[in-house]
């Protein structure tokens, strides 16, 4: 029920950060292009972690296990729209990392309370990003795919 309320409240939102590195005009594209072979997986995770910190996402746990990125965080949002925006920021940052060379197939995220209680889980699949890049999904479809995975505990 809560997930439907969240989706209905939002309509469709665009993943923040997803188009970064593709002409977003911030001037960083030239510096990052062509460095994939020189960057280790741990550096990609550190870059993702820094992105989350820059966007005020309180990370409790972040690790890579093969093709899986596991994230636990304390959401700062209070409303459905704020929580969905946070999901967009995080998944967009993950997709940006994949585009910059992070080798992963999936991000599994867990929202935690300040007392470390699990509030909700959601995930983002790289296959969806590839479908988006191939023109098979719109930005709204990509965002909705991620939001539809939300399971509130």
Protein backbone atom coordinates (compact mmCIF):
# COMPACT_ATOMS: atom_id res chain seq x y z
CA UNK A 1 0.00 0.00 0.00
CA UNK A 2 2.74 2.48 0.95
CA UNK A 3 4.62 1.78 -2.28
CA UNK A 4 1.52 2.57 -4.34
CA UNK A 5 1.05 5.80 -2.41
CA UNK A 6 4.66 6.73 -3.07
CA UNK A 7 4.35 5.98 -6.78
CA UNK A 8 1.03 7.80 -7.08
CA UNK A 9 2.37 10.84 -5.24
CA UNK A 10 5.36 11.03 -7.51
CA UNK A 11 4.07 10.27 -10.89
CA UNK A 12 7.37 9.88 -12.69
CA UNK A 13 10.71 11.37 -11.74
CA UNK A 14 14.05 11.42 -13.49
CA UNK A 15 17.05 9.75 -11.93
CA UNK A 16 19.45 12.42 -10.73
CA UNK A 17 22.98 11.93 -11.93
CA UNK A 18 22.06 9.40 -14.59
CA UNK A 19 22.92 11.69 -17.47
CA UNK A 20 26.11 12.95 -15.87
CA UNK A 21 29.05 12.53 -18.16
CA UNK A 22 26.79 12.85 -21.19
CA UNK A 23 26.87 16.56 -21.79
CA UNK A 24 25.40 17.87 -18.58
CA UNK A 25 27.48 20.99 -19.00
CA UNK A 26 29.45 20.82 -15.77
CA UNK A 27 32.78 20.55 -17.58
CA UNK A 28 33.81 17.30 -15.88
CA UNK A 29 33.22 15.08 -18.91
CA UNK A 30 36.60 15.64 -20.58
CA UNK A 31 38.54 14.87 -17.42
CA UNK A 32 36.75 11.58 -16.80
CA UNK A 33 36.65 10.21 -20.33
CA UNK A 34 39.10 7.46 -21.16
CA UNK A 35 40.25 6.71 -17.62
CA UNK A 36 38.23 3.52 -17.06
CA UNK A 37 41.26 1.25 -17.50
CA UNK A 38 43.26 3.22 -14.97
CA UNK A 39 40.69 3.16 -12.16
CA UNK A 40 40.36 0.24 -9.72
CA UNK A 41 37.04 -1.09 -8.47
CA UNK A 42 37.78 0.27 -5.00
CA UNK A 43 38.30 3.72 -6.52
CA UNK A 44 34.93 3.45 -8.29
CA UNK A 45 33.28 2.56 -4.98
CA UNK A 46 35.10 5.47 -3.30
CA UNK A 47 33.83 7.78 -6.06
CA UNK A 48 30.26 6.51 -5.56
CA UNK A 49 30.64 6.97 -1.80
CA UNK A 50 31.88 10.54 -2.31
CA UNK A 51 28.92 11.21 -4.64
CA UNK A 52 26.53 10.01 -1.92
CA UNK A 53 28.25 12.15 0.69
CA UNK A 54 28.15 15.20 -1.59
CA UNK A 55 24.40 14.65 -1.95
CA UNK A 56 23.94 14.36 1.85
CA UNK A 57 23.13 10.65 1.78
CA UNK A 58 24.06 9.19 5.18
CA UNK A 59 25.74 5.92 4.26
CA UNK A 60 25.69 3.18 6.89
CA UNK A 61 27.27 0.49 4.72
CA UNK A 62 28.62 0.37 1.16
CA UNK A 63 30.45 -2.57 -0.38
CA UNK A 64 30.92 -4.45 -3.61
CA UNK A 65 30.63 -8.23 -3.73
CA UNK A 66 31.32 -9.28 -7.30
CA UNK A 67 28.69 -7.71 -9.54
CA UNK A 68 26.53 -6.59 -6.61
CA UNK A 69 26.77 -3.23 -4.86
CA UNK A 70 25.15 -3.28 -1.41
CA UNK A 71 24.19 0.01 0.21
CA UNK A 72 22.52 0.75 3.51
CA UNK A 73 21.64 4.36 4.28
CA UNK A 74 19.57 6.54 6.58
CA UNK A 75 17.09 8.53 4.49
CA UNK A 76 16.86 12.23 5.25
CA UNK A 77 13.57 12.65 3.40
CA UNK A 78 10.33 12.83 5.33
CA UNK A 79 7.75 12.92 2.55
CA UNK A 80 7.11 10.44 -0.25
CA UNK A 81 8.44 12.91 -2.77
CA UNK A 82 11.63 13.52 -0.78
CA UNK A 83 12.23 9.78 -0.36
CA UNK A 84 11.67 9.16 -4.07
CA UNK A 85 14.06 11.99 -4.91
CA UNK A 86 16.69 10.34 -2.69
CA UNK A 87 16.16 7.04 -4.51
CA UNK A 88 16.65 8.92 -7.78
CA UNK A 89 19.85 10.54 -6.54
CA UNK A 90 21.29 7.24 -5.35
CA UNK A 91 20.29 5.15 -8.37
CA UNK A 92 21.38 7.92 -10.72
CA UNK A 93 24.77 8.00 -9.02
CA UNK A 94 25.02 4.23 -9.33
CA UNK A 95 24.19 4.37 -13.04
CA UNK A 96 26.69 7.18 -13.50
CA UNK A 97 29.33 5.02 -11.83
CA UNK A 98 28.53 2.14 -14.17
CA UNK A 99 28.89 4.45 -17.15
CA UNK A 100 32.28 5.53 -15.79
CA UNK A 101 33.53 1.95 -15.44
CA UNK A 102 32.10 0.54 -12.20
CA UNK A 103 31.68 -3.16 -12.92
CA UNK A 104 28.35 -4.10 -11.37
CA UNK A 105 25.04 -5.58 -12.45
CA UNK A 106 22.87 -4.42 -9.58
CA UNK A 107 22.59 -2.00 -6.69
CA UNK A 108 20.69 -3.30 -3.67
CA UNK A 109 19.79 -0.51 -1.27
CA UNK A 110 18.34 -0.67 2.22
CA UNK A 111 16.83 2.30 4.04
CA UNK A 112 17.64 2.17 7.75
CA UNK A 113 16.36 4.14 10.69
CA UNK A 114 18.88 5.97 12.90
CA UNK A 115 18.40 3.00 15.28
CA UNK A 116 19.53 0.62 12.47
CA UNK A 117 16.05 -0.78 11.88
CA UNK A 118 15.30 -1.78 8.28
CA UNK A 119 12.62 0.51 6.84
CA UNK A 120 12.59 -0.45 3.16
CA UNK A 121 14.58 -2.12 0.37
CA UNK A 122 14.88 -1.29 -3.32
CA UNK A 123 17.22 -2.07 -6.19
CA UNK A 124 18.47 -0.84 -9.55
CA UNK A 125 19.49 -3.13 -12.42
CA UNK A 126 22.16 -2.27 -14.99
CA UNK A 127 20.05 -4.04 -17.64
CA UNK A 128 17.53 -1.21 -17.26
CA UNK A 129 20.23 1.39 -17.88
CA UNK A 130 21.28 -0.48 -21.01
CA UNK A 131 17.65 -0.56 -22.22
CA UNK A 132 17.42 3.19 -21.54
CA UNK A 133 20.63 3.86 -23.50
CA UNK A 134 19.30 1.71 -26.36
CA UNK A 135 16.14 3.84 -26.49
CA UNK A 136 13.92 1.01 -25.22
CA UNK A 137 13.02 2.89 -22.01
CA UNK A 138 12.36 6.56 -21.44
CA UNK A 139 13.90 8.35 -18.48
CA UNK A 140 10.52 8.18 -16.74
CA UNK A 141 10.28 4.42 -17.43
CA UNK A 142 13.76 3.90 -15.98
CA UNK A 143 12.87 5.89 -12.87
CA UNK A 144 9.61 4.02 -12.46
CA UNK A 145 11.35 0.63 -12.80
CA UNK A 146 13.56 1.50 -9.87
CA UNK A 147 10.71 2.94 -7.76
CA UNK A 148 8.56 -0.13 -8.39
CA UNK A 149 11.14 -2.30 -6.61
CA UNK A 150 10.54 -0.48 -3.32
CA UNK A 151 9.47 -2.87 -0.55
CA UNK A 152 8.52 -1.17 2.70
CA UNK A 153 8.98 -3.27 5.83
